[in-house]
Amino acid sequence: MDASTPRVPVKLLSETRATEVHRAAESRQEQRLQRAVSQIEESLRGLRFGQVTITVQDGVVVQIDRLERTRLPRGSD
């Protein structure tokens, strides 16, 4: 390094790296959330009678269950 190159304190470098790691983690978390929302939308699409159950562990969607019911027409007995 020559005299014209500014020196960056080590503490500043580590804080910058921590910020980058934090942003990357937030980005991955956002991507997982978007995938989960897309899958939930797909589960709801076309559902007339039933339920969609979303299981979350540690703030992360881990399972989506779709239960569809078939309603039979009422007959006049």
C-alpha atoms as a PDB file:
ATOM      1  CA  MET A   1       0.000   0.000   0.000  1.00  0.00           C
ATOM      2  CA  ASP A   2       1.434   3.405  -0.906  1.00  0.00           C
ATOM      3  CA  ALA A   3       1.078   6.676   0.974  1.00  0.00           C
ATOM      4  CA  SER A   4      -1.819   7.864  -1.226  1.00  0.00           C
ATOM      5  CA  THR A   5      -4.040   4.871  -0.343  1.00  0.00           C
ATOM      6  CA  PRO A   6      -6.274   5.712   2.630  1.00  0.00           C
ATOM      7  CA  ARG A   7      -6.200   3.252   5.497  1.00  0.00           C
ATOM      8  CA  VAL A   8      -9.562   1.904   6.619  1.00  0.00           C
ATOM      9  CA  PRO A   9      -9.788   0.978  10.292  1.00  0.00           C
ATOM     10  CA  VAL A  10     -10.203  -2.752  10.949  1.00  0.00           C
ATOM     11  CA  LYS A  11     -13.297  -2.068  13.063  1.00  0.00           C
ATOM     12  CA  LEU A  12     -14.968  -0.302  10.133  1.00  0.00           C
ATOM     13  CA  LEU A  13     -14.152  -3.215   7.827  1.00  0.00           C
ATOM     14  CA  SER A  14     -15.675  -5.745  10.225  1.00  0.00           C
ATOM     15  CA  GLU A  15     -18.813  -3.608  10.663  1.00  0.00           C
ATOM     16  CA  THR A  16     -19.135  -3.324   6.881  1.00  0.00           C
ATOM     17  CA  ARG A  17     -18.747  -7.095   6.501  1.00  0.00           C
ATOM     18  CA  ALA A  18     -21.348  -7.695   9.238  1.00  0.00           C
ATOM     19  CA  THR A  19     -23.752  -5.371   7.411  1.00  0.00           C
ATOM     20  CA  GLU A  20     -23.194  -7.271   4.142  1.00  0.00           C
ATOM     21  CA  VAL A  21     -23.803 -10.612   5.856  1.00  0.00           C
ATOM     22  CA  HIS A  22     -26.963  -9.239   7.488  1.00  0.00           C
ATOM     23  CA  ARG A  23     -28.273  -7.929   4.150  1.00  0.00           C
ATOM     24  CA  ALA A  24     -27.562 -11.275   2.463  1.00  0.00           C
ATOM     25  CA  ALA A  25     -29.446 -13.100   5.230  1.00  0.00           C
ATOM     26  CA  GLU A  26     -32.397 -10.708   4.885  1.00  0.00           C
ATOM     27  CA  SER A  27     -32.391 -11.282   1.120  1.00  0.00           C
ATOM     28  CA  ARG A  28     -32.473 -15.079   1.556  1.00  0.00           C
ATOM     29  CA  GLN A  29     -35.245 -14.727   4.130  1.00  0.00           C
ATOM     30  CA  GLU A  30     -37.234 -12.508   1.757  1.00  0.00           C
ATOM     31  CA  GLN A  31     -36.807 -15.047  -1.055  1.00  0.00           C
ATOM     32  CA  ARG A  32     -38.050 -17.887   1.185  1.00  0.00           C
ATOM     33  CA  LEU A  33     -41.035 -15.759   2.199  1.00  0.00           C
ATOM     34  CA  GLN A  34     -41.886 -14.972  -1.430  1.00  0.00           C
ATOM     35  CA  ARG A  35     -41.697 -18.688  -2.330  1.00  0.00           C
ATOM     36  CA  ALA A  36     -44.001 -19.520   0.582  1.00  0.00           C
ATOM     37  CA  VAL A  37     -46.507 -16.834  -0.439  1.00  0.00           C
ATOM     38  CA  SER A  38     -46.485 -18.153  -4.020  1.00  0.00           C
ATOM     39  CA  GLN A  39     -47.128 -21.702  -2.797  1.00  0.00           C
ATOM     40  CA  ILE A  40     -49.941 -20.498  -0.524  1.00  0.00           C
ATOM     41  CA  GLU A  41     -51.523 -18.669  -3.465  1.00  0.00           C
ATOM     42  CA  GLU A  42     -51.266 -21.843  -5.547  1.00  0.00           C
ATOM     43  CA  SER A  43     -52.931 -23.838  -2.748  1.00  0.00           C
ATOM     44  CA  LEU A  44     -55.831 -21.389  -2.654  1.00  0.00           C
ATOM     45  CA  ARG A  45     -56.292 -21.306  -6.425  1.00  0.00           C
ATOM     46  CA  GLY A  46     -59.391 -23.263  -7.401  1.00  0.00           C
ATOM     47  CA  LEU A  47     -60.294 -24.184  -3.836  1.00  0.00           C
ATOM     48  CA  ARG A  48     -64.081 -23.948  -3.410  1.00  0.00           C
ATOM     49  CA  PHE A  49     -64.643 -25.726  -0.087  1.00  0.00           C
ATOM     50  CA  GLY A  50     -61.873 -26.595   2.321  1.00  0.00           C
ATOM     51  CA  GLN A  51     -58.936 -25.105   4.127  1.00  0.00           C
ATOM     52  CA  VAL A  52     -55.289 -24.259   3.755  1.00  0.00           C
ATOM     53  CA  THR A  53     -53.179 -24.707   6.882  1.00  0.00           C
ATOM     54  CA  ILE A  54     -49.776 -23.039   7.154  1.00  0.00           C
ATOM     55  CA  THR A  55     -47.267 -24.429   9.660  1.00  0.00           C
ATOM     56  CA  VAL A  56     -44.552 -22.048  10.848  1.00  0.00           C
ATOM     57  CA  GLN A  57     -41.490 -22.947  12.923  1.00  0.00           C
ATOM     58  CA  ASP A  58     -39.008 -20.340  14.144  1.00  0.00           C
ATOM     59  CA  GLY A  59     -40.646 -17.743  11.917  1.00  0.00           C
ATOM     60  CA  VAL A  60     -40.264 -19.843   8.758  1.00  0.00           C
ATOM     61  CA  VAL A  61     -43.079 -21.494   6.799  1.00  0.00           C
ATOM     62  CA  VAL A  62     -42.221 -25.204   6.855  1.00  0.00           C
ATOM     63  CA  GLN A  63     -45.433 -26.811   5.637  1.00  0.00           C
ATOM     64  CA  ILE A  64     -48.589 -25.989   3.706  1.00  0.00           C
ATOM     65  CA  ASP A  65     -51.537 -28.391   3.866  1.00  0.00           C
ATOM     66  CA  ARG A  66     -54.531 -28.169   1.556  1.00  0.00           C
ATOM     67  CA  LEU A  67     -57.722 -29.955   2.509  1.00  0.00           C
ATOM     68  CA  GLU A  68     -60.397 -29.892  -0.161  1.00  0.00           C
ATOM     69  CA  ARG A  69     -63.953 -30.941   0.492  1.00  0.00           C
ATOM     70  CA  THR A  70     -66.418 -32.081  -2.103  1.00  0.00           C
ATOM     71  CA  ARG A  71     -69.946 -30.923  -1.440  1.00  0.00           C
ATOM     72  CA  LEU A  72     -72.656 -33.170  -2.799  1.00  0.00           C
ATOM     73  CA  PRO A  73     -75.824 -31.563  -4.105  1.00  0.00           C
ATOM     74  CA  ARG A  74     -78.740 -31.679  -1.713  1.00  0.00           C
ATOM     75  CA  GLY A  75     -81.424 -34.077  -2.874  1.00  0.00           C
ATOM     76  CA  SER A  76     -85.113 -33.624  -2.183  1.00  0.00           C
ATOM     77  CA  ASP A  77     -86.014 -36.792  -0.281  1.00  0.00           C
END
